[in-house]
Protein backbone atom coordinates (compact mmCIF):
# COMPACT_ATOMS: atom_id res chain seq x y z
CA MET A 1 167.61 -24.42 176.17
CA THR A 2 167.52 -24.84 179.94
CA PRO A 3 170.47 -23.01 181.56
CA ALA A 4 172.96 -25.05 183.58
CA PRO A 5 172.61 -24.95 187.35
CA PRO A 6 174.87 -22.28 188.90
CA HIS A 7 177.32 -24.83 190.32
CA LEU A 8 177.80 -26.34 186.84
CA ALA A 9 177.82 -23.15 184.81
CA PRO A 10 181.13 -22.34 183.07
CA ALA A 11 183.22 -19.73 184.84
CA SER A 12 183.81 -16.52 182.94
CA HIS A 13 187.36 -15.66 181.96
CA THR A 14 189.09 -13.47 184.50
CA ALA A 15 188.94 -9.76 183.67
CA VAL A 16 192.27 -9.08 185.38
CA ASP A 17 194.95 -8.12 182.84
CA GLY A 18 197.70 -10.73 183.12
CA THR A 19 200.28 -8.91 181.00
CA ILE A 20 203.62 -9.06 182.82
CA VAL A 21 205.00 -5.54 183.19
CA SER A 22 207.97 -6.07 185.53
CA ALA A 23 210.12 -8.88 186.91
CA GLU A 24 213.07 -9.13 189.26
CA ALA A 25 215.19 -11.94 190.71
CA TRP A 26 217.46 -12.29 193.71
CA LEU A 27 219.25 -14.91 195.80
CA SER A 28 218.80 -15.56 199.52
CA ASP A 29 220.72 -18.16 201.53
CA LEU A 30 218.74 -20.24 204.01
CA GLU A 31 220.52 -22.02 206.80
CA VAL A 32 219.83 -25.75 207.22
CA GLU A 33 217.54 -26.50 210.15
CA THR A 34 219.43 -29.68 211.05
CA VAL A 35 222.68 -31.32 209.97
CA ARG A 36 221.84 -33.44 206.92
CA THR A 37 224.15 -36.11 205.52
CA ASP A 38 223.77 -38.90 203.00
CA ALA A 39 226.06 -41.28 201.16
CA VAL A 40 227.57 -38.62 198.89
CA GLN A 41 227.18 -35.15 200.45
CA SER A 42 226.13 -32.88 203.27
CA PHE A 43 223.39 -30.28 202.91
CA LEU A 44 225.23 -27.05 203.79
CA LYS A 45 222.65 -24.38 202.90
CA GLN A 46 219.71 -23.78 200.61
CA GLU A 47 220.54 -21.21 197.96
CA THR A 48 217.04 -19.92 197.23
CA ILE A 49 216.44 -18.11 193.95
CA PHE A 50 213.38 -15.86 194.06
CA VAL A 51 211.45 -14.23 191.21
CA ARG A 52 208.87 -11.50 191.69
CA LEU A 53 206.71 -10.42 188.77
CA ARG A 54 203.85 -7.96 188.47
CA THR A 55 201.04 -7.82 185.95
CA ALA A 56 199.19 -4.88 184.41
CA GLY A 57 196.21 -5.93 186.49
CA GLY A 58 198.13 -5.26 189.70
CA VAL A 59 198.74 -8.89 190.65
CA GLU A 60 202.10 -9.93 192.12
CA GLY A 61 203.52 -13.42 191.66
CA ILE A 62 206.34 -14.83 193.79
CA GLY A 63 208.21 -17.92 192.64
CA TYR A 64 211.34 -19.73 193.72
CA SER A 65 213.73 -22.59 193.17
CA TYR A 66 216.82 -23.75 195.01
CA THR A 67 220.18 -25.46 195.12
CA ILE A 68 221.76 -27.22 198.08
CA GLY A 69 224.86 -25.07 198.28
CA THR A 70 226.34 -24.46 194.84
CA GLY A 71 225.21 -22.98 191.54
CA GLY A 72 222.69 -20.48 192.84
CA GLU A 73 224.54 -17.51 191.39
CA ALA A 74 224.64 -19.19 187.98
CA VAL A 75 220.87 -19.61 188.06
CA LEU A 76 220.44 -15.99 189.11
CA SER A 77 222.73 -14.80 186.31
CA LEU A 78 220.72 -16.69 183.68
CA LEU A 79 217.53 -15.11 184.96
CA ARG A 80 218.92 -11.59 184.97
CA THR A 81 220.78 -11.72 181.67
CA CYS A 82 218.19 -13.61 179.64
CA LEU A 83 214.87 -14.74 181.05
CA LEU A 84 213.46 -11.73 182.88
CA ASP A 85 213.52 -9.58 179.75
CA VAL A 86 211.68 -12.28 177.81
CA LEU A 87 208.88 -12.23 180.40
CA ILE A 88 207.85 -8.64 179.79
CA GLY A 89 204.67 -8.47 177.75
CA LEU A 90 203.75 -12.14 178.17
CA ASP A 91 200.46 -13.20 179.76
CA ALA A 92 200.67 -14.74 183.23
CA HIS A 93 197.28 -16.38 182.65
CA ARG A 94 198.97 -18.61 180.02
CA PRO A 95 201.75 -20.58 181.79
CA GLU A 96 202.25 -22.96 178.86
CA ALA A 97 202.96 -20.06 176.49
CA VAL A 98 205.26 -18.37 178.99
CA TRP A 99 207.19 -21.57 179.71
CA ARG A 100 207.66 -22.30 176.02
CA ALA A 101 208.90 -18.76 175.32
CA LEU A 102 211.47 -19.06 178.10
CA PHE A 103 212.54 -22.53 177.02
CA SER A 104 213.05 -21.28 173.48
CA ALA A 105 215.14 -18.36 174.74
CA THR A 106 217.49 -20.80 176.52
CA ARG A 107 217.59 -23.53 173.90
CA ALA A 108 221.39 -23.52 173.79
CA THR A 109 221.54 -24.57 177.48
CA THR A 110 218.64 -26.99 177.65
CA VAL A 111 218.15 -29.62 178.95
CA GLY A 112 220.24 -28.91 182.04
CA ALA A 113 220.09 -28.26 185.75
CA ILE A 114 220.87 -24.53 185.73
CA THR A 115 218.28 -23.77 183.05
CA SER A 116 215.60 -25.94 184.65
CA LEU A 117 216.12 -24.25 188.02
CA ALA A 118 215.83 -20.83 186.38
CA LEU A 119 212.69 -21.83 184.48
CA ALA A 120 211.16 -23.12 187.71
CA ALA A 121 211.70 -19.84 189.55
CA VAL A 122 209.77 -18.02 186.84
CA ASP A 123 207.12 -20.66 186.25
CA THR A 124 206.16 -20.84 189.93
CA ALA A 125 205.83 -17.04 189.97
CA VAL A 126 203.58 -17.21 186.90
CA TRP A 127 201.35 -19.83 188.53
CA ASP A 128 201.24 -17.78 191.73
CA ALA A 129 200.01 -14.74 189.81
CA ARG A 130 197.59 -16.78 187.71
CA CYS A 131 196.02 -18.40 190.77
CA LYS A 132 195.77 -15.11 192.63
CA ALA A 133 194.07 -13.46 189.66
CA SER A 134 191.51 -16.28 189.51
CA GLY A 135 191.06 -16.43 193.29
CA LEU A 136 192.01 -20.11 193.42
CA PRO A 137 194.57 -22.00 195.49
CA LEU A 138 197.17 -23.86 193.44
CA TRP A 139 195.92 -27.32 194.37
CA VAL A 140 192.49 -26.51 192.93
CA ALA A 141 193.73 -24.60 189.86
CA ALA A 142 196.08 -27.46 188.95
CA GLY A 143 193.52 -30.25 189.31
CA GLY A 144 191.97 -30.37 192.76
CA ALA A 145 192.14 -34.14 193.33
CA ARG A 146 192.02 -34.02 197.16
CA PRO A 147 192.67 -31.58 200.00
CA SER A 148 195.46 -33.46 201.83
CA ILE A 149 198.26 -35.97 201.26
CA PRO A 150 199.98 -38.52 203.57
CA LEU A 151 203.37 -37.52 204.98
CA TYR A 152 206.56 -39.48 205.51
CA ASP A 153 209.55 -38.16 207.43
CA THR A 154 213.17 -37.83 206.26
CA GLU A 155 214.61 -35.60 209.00
CA GLY A 156 215.08 -38.56 211.34
CA GLY A 157 216.96 -40.78 208.92
CA TRP A 158 220.26 -39.11 208.05
CA LEU A 159 223.33 -41.27 207.53
CA HIS A 160 225.31 -39.83 210.45
CA PHE A 161 222.66 -40.90 212.99
CA ASP A 162 223.53 -44.00 214.97
CA THR A 163 221.04 -46.83 215.24
CA ASP A 164 219.58 -45.68 218.54
CA GLU A 165 218.92 -42.22 217.08
CA LEU A 166 217.27 -43.72 213.99
CA VAL A 167 214.98 -45.81 216.17
CA ALA A 168 214.06 -42.90 218.44
CA GLN A 169 213.30 -40.63 215.50
CA ALA A 170 211.20 -43.27 213.77
CA LEU A 171 209.14 -43.88 216.90
CA GLU A 172 208.55 -40.15 217.25
CA SER A 173 207.35 -39.95 213.64
CA GLN A 174 205.05 -42.88 214.30
CA ARG A 175 203.69 -41.19 217.44
CA ARG A 176 202.90 -38.09 215.35
CA GLY A 177 200.88 -40.20 212.93
CA LEU A 178 203.17 -40.01 209.91
CA GLY A 179 202.82 -42.93 207.56
CA GLY A 180 206.48 -43.66 206.93
CA VAL A 181 210.12 -42.81 207.58
CA LYS A 182 213.07 -42.73 205.19
CA ILE A 183 216.50 -44.00 206.20
CA LYS A 184 219.63 -43.05 204.30
CA VAL A 185 221.76 -46.01 203.21
CA GLY A 186 225.20 -46.30 201.66
CA LYS A 187 227.38 -47.50 204.52
CA PRO A 188 230.66 -49.13 203.42
CA ARG A 189 229.16 -52.61 203.80
CA GLY A 190 225.66 -53.74 203.05
CA HIS A 191 225.19 -55.53 206.35
CA GLU A 192 225.65 -52.20 208.18
CA ASP A 193 222.70 -50.72 206.30
CA ALA A 194 220.62 -53.85 206.83
CA GLU A 195 221.29 -53.95 210.58
CA ARG A 196 220.24 -50.31 210.99
CA LEU A 197 217.08 -50.89 208.98
CA ALA A 198 216.26 -54.08 210.89
CA ALA A 199 216.43 -52.20 214.20
CA VAL A 200 214.00 -49.56 212.92
CA ARG A 201 211.62 -52.17 211.49
CA ALA A 202 211.61 -54.07 214.78
CA ALA A 203 210.81 -50.87 216.67
CA VAL A 204 207.97 -49.55 214.48
CA GLY A 205 206.46 -52.89 213.51
CA PRO A 206 204.90 -53.86 210.16
CA GLY A 207 202.33 -51.07 210.06
CA MET A 208 204.71 -48.23 209.17
CA ASP A 209 206.28 -47.72 205.75
CA LEU A 210 210.08 -47.78 205.70
CA MET A 211 211.84 -46.18 202.72
CA VAL A 212 215.58 -46.24 201.94
CA ASP A 213 217.65 -43.74 199.94
CA ALA A 214 221.14 -44.38 198.55
CA ASN A 215 221.54 -40.96 196.88
CA GLN A 216 223.00 -42.37 193.65
CA SER A 217 225.94 -43.93 195.51
CA LEU A 218 225.86 -47.55 194.29
CA THR A 219 226.72 -49.56 191.21
CA ALA A 220 224.01 -51.71 189.67
CA ALA A 221 225.67 -54.87 190.98
CA GLU A 222 225.89 -53.52 194.52
CA ALA A 223 222.35 -52.17 194.42
CA ILE A 224 221.05 -55.59 193.37
CA ARG A 225 222.99 -57.18 196.25
CA ARG A 226 221.72 -54.70 198.83
CA ALA A 227 218.16 -54.95 197.59
CA ALA A 228 218.30 -58.66 198.39
CA LEU A 229 219.44 -57.77 201.94
CA PHE A 230 216.62 -55.24 202.31
CA GLU A 231 213.75 -57.34 200.90
CA PRO A 232 213.02 -59.30 204.12
CA LEU A 233 212.49 -55.96 205.93
CA ASP A 234 209.49 -55.02 203.73
CA ILE A 235 211.07 -51.83 202.39
CA PHE A 236 208.50 -49.51 200.80
CA TRP A 237 210.86 -48.16 198.14
CA PHE A 238 214.56 -48.12 197.20
CA GLU A 239 215.36 -44.52 196.24
CA GLU A 240 218.09 -43.26 193.90
CA PRO A 241 220.17 -46.43 194.13
CA LEU A 242 222.31 -45.52 191.09
CA PRO A 243 223.45 -42.39 189.25
CA ALA A 244 220.44 -40.85 187.54
CA GLU A 245 221.91 -41.21 184.05
CA ASP A 246 222.19 -45.01 184.45
CA VAL A 247 218.78 -45.94 183.11
CA ALA A 248 219.95 -49.41 182.08
CA GLY A 249 221.27 -50.11 185.56
CA HIS A 250 217.97 -49.07 187.12
CA ARG A 251 216.16 -51.35 184.70
CA ARG A 252 218.37 -54.30 185.73
CA LEU A 253 217.74 -53.56 189.39
CA ALA A 254 213.97 -53.19 188.95
CA ALA A 255 213.84 -56.54 187.16
CA SER A 256 215.82 -58.26 189.92
CA THR A 257 213.91 -57.19 193.05
CA THR A 258 210.45 -56.94 194.55
CA LEU A 259 211.34 -53.54 196.01
CA PRO A 260 209.81 -50.57 194.17
CA VAL A 261 212.57 -48.42 192.62
CA ALA A 262 212.09 -44.67 193.11
CA VAL A 263 213.85 -42.00 191.03
CA GLY A 264 213.35 -38.44 189.94
CA GLU A 265 214.91 -35.81 192.16
CA SER A 266 217.92 -35.66 189.84
CA LEU A 267 216.02 -35.66 186.54
CA TYR A 268 215.59 -32.32 184.79
CA SER A 269 213.09 -32.84 181.97
CA VAL A 270 209.84 -34.57 181.14
CA GLY A 271 211.67 -36.64 178.53
CA HIS A 272 214.00 -38.18 181.11
CA PHE A 273 211.00 -39.38 183.10
CA ARG A 274 209.45 -40.83 179.94
CA GLU A 275 212.59 -42.87 179.33
CA TYR A 276 212.43 -44.39 182.83
CA LEU A 277 208.76 -45.24 182.45
CA GLN A 278 209.05 -46.70 178.95
CA THR A 279 211.89 -49.02 179.96
CA GLY A 280 210.37 -50.13 183.28
CA ALA A 281 213.32 -48.69 185.19
CA ALA A 282 211.27 -47.01 187.93
CA SER A 283 207.98 -47.65 189.69
CA ILE A 284 207.73 -44.44 191.76
CA LEU A 285 208.59 -40.97 190.41
CA GLN A 286 210.00 -38.33 192.78
CA VAL A 287 209.68 -35.36 190.47
CA ASP A 288 211.02 -32.14 192.03
CA VAL A 289 209.17 -29.00 190.90
CA ALA A 290 212.34 -26.87 191.00
CA ARG A 291 214.59 -29.31 189.20
CA VAL A 292 212.17 -30.30 186.46
CA GLY A 293 211.56 -26.67 185.47
CA GLY A 294 208.45 -25.64 187.37
CA ILE A 295 204.80 -26.46 187.93
CA THR A 296 204.01 -26.67 184.22
CA PRO A 297 206.36 -29.61 183.49
CA TRP A 298 205.75 -31.12 186.97
CA LEU A 299 202.11 -31.64 186.11
CA LYS A 300 203.09 -33.22 182.78
CA VAL A 301 205.30 -35.74 184.58
CA ALA A 302 202.55 -36.54 187.08
CA HIS A 303 199.99 -37.13 184.33
CA LEU A 304 202.49 -39.12 182.28
CA ALA A 305 203.11 -41.31 185.33
CA GLU A 306 199.38 -41.79 185.77
CA SER A 307 199.13 -43.09 182.21
CA PHE A 308 201.67 -45.77 183.20
CA ASN A 309 199.78 -46.52 186.45
CA VAL A 310 202.75 -45.16 188.42
CA ALA A 311 202.60 -42.99 191.55
CA VAL A 312 204.47 -39.77 192.24
CA ALA A 313 206.08 -38.87 195.57
CA PRO A 314 207.99 -35.61 195.05
CA HIS A 315 211.37 -34.74 196.48
CA PHE A 316 211.77 -31.98 199.13
CA LEU A 317 209.99 -28.56 198.92
CA MET A 318 207.05 -29.77 201.00
CA GLU A 319 205.59 -26.26 201.26
CA LEU A 320 205.03 -26.20 197.49
CA HIS A 321 204.67 -29.89 196.74
CA VAL A 322 201.76 -30.25 199.17
CA SER A 323 199.58 -28.34 196.69
CA LEU A 324 200.85 -30.27 193.67
CA CYS A 325 200.35 -33.62 195.41
CA CYS A 326 196.79 -32.60 196.22
CA ALA A 327 196.22 -31.51 192.62
CA VAL A 328 196.76 -34.93 191.02
CA PRO A 329 195.14 -38.31 191.67
CA ASN A 330 198.29 -40.44 191.65
CA ALA A 331 200.33 -38.74 194.40
CA LEU A 332 201.49 -41.25 196.98
CA TYR A 333 203.35 -39.33 199.70
CA LEU A 334 204.70 -35.89 200.61
CA GLU A 335 208.24 -35.73 202.01
CA HIS A 336 208.48 -33.98 205.37
CA ILE A 337 211.68 -31.88 205.48
CA PRO A 338 211.03 -28.41 206.95
CA GLN A 339 213.25 -25.79 205.35
CA LEU A 340 211.27 -22.55 204.99
CA ARG A 341 210.29 -21.86 208.60
CA ALA A 342 212.86 -19.07 208.95
CA VAL A 343 211.37 -17.13 206.01
CA THR A 344 207.65 -17.84 206.26
CA LYS A 345 204.98 -16.64 208.66
CA ARG A 346 202.99 -19.88 208.70
CA GLU A 347 204.10 -23.50 208.57
CA LEU A 348 202.67 -26.39 206.62
CA VAL A 349 199.46 -27.56 208.26
CA ILE A 350 199.71 -31.19 209.37
CA ARG A 351 196.56 -33.03 210.41
CA ASP A 352 196.34 -36.74 211.24
CA GLY A 353 199.67 -37.43 209.56
CA HIS A 354 198.66 -35.61 206.37
CA GLY A 355 199.89 -32.38 204.82
CA VAL A 356 196.93 -30.09 204.19
CA ALA A 357 196.88 -27.99 201.01
CA PRO A 358 196.71 -24.20 201.59
CA VAL A 359 193.38 -22.58 200.72
CA ALA A 360 194.68 -19.06 200.02
CA PRO A 361 194.84 -18.07 196.33
CA GLY A 362 198.27 -18.65 194.78
CA LEU A 363 201.00 -20.99 195.92
CA GLY A 364 199.78 -20.62 199.50
CA ILE A 365 203.22 -19.84 200.96
CA ASP A 366 203.07 -16.90 203.39
CA TRP A 367 206.51 -15.37 202.86
CA ASP A 368 208.24 -13.20 205.49
CA PHE A 369 209.98 -10.74 203.19
CA ASP A 370 211.87 -9.03 206.00
CA ALA A 371 213.48 -12.36 206.87
CA ILE A 372 214.12 -13.09 203.20
CA ASP A 373 215.77 -9.69 202.70
CA ASP A 374 217.98 -10.26 205.75
CA ARG A 375 219.38 -13.33 203.97
CA ARG A 376 219.90 -11.74 200.54
CA VAL A 377 223.21 -12.37 198.87
CA ALA A 378 224.69 -9.14 197.51
């Protein structure tokens, strides 16, 4: 038999021992870089839950998840009292087996936000170690669809900005080559939202995508009414119009409008995404790697969406999501919200309006551990 050419030959299994021999978790608070407001809340701080694990082969994996101001200590407690002990002796080369063991250990509290955030902190650490052991960057190890992903900006669209500020920020994003901007909606009256959006559309013209985000603040009836106001402005998507548990309301809205309905940042399991897809309640999925339980379930959601011919455009965490977007073929956009600059040594690379996937083995986030330690919560 003729041997395969070297570039097609199967890779040998890594010889590095992936047995997890130690694990620790801690909480660090990150200040917000800008004031952030939407229809229901303000972003006060990022409670960042870190996990560090080490394998018998000498590889270190760093993972993390987050909350936007509350619940971080509950996530940390679940890790310390339950999950970290379960990790010891498991194989970091086998993220599916690790994730399932952790899920089984927390069955009494699944599916839920606290458990999913804890699972994500571990799962991202496992993938970091696995990729480092294999010498591959995450975007390649998880699929390798493409090396970069288009960016849209959210930092210029907060609800407290007046119309002139929204316009100025949108024009700056356009000048930088970003493909779209997202404007927060949820003013007391629909015409206020529409007037702000109309001013931005007039300024940027038809060639820039304009997204809107209601942050779960509307009823189905009001969302249907506002969608009708927004349709003439060629809105790219209508994000989180209703509470995430209102699948029926999202289905009614999706059936009533030409605007794509985007959901996902407040869904915490693969099954919840399946329900939205099966009922036609969403046409863009904004799956958040921390909130869905890590990279392992994130990839399942992305591939599930692909089977429905639906795109993914993940929420927040651009420093991690850039690699996941580049891993799968149906990623649409990466959300630009810088949040890790105070605790990393290198920023996300942006080229021609695209986020570029890191090439270093692992997650590709260059942590500044001195800065992280300075922000540790006792």
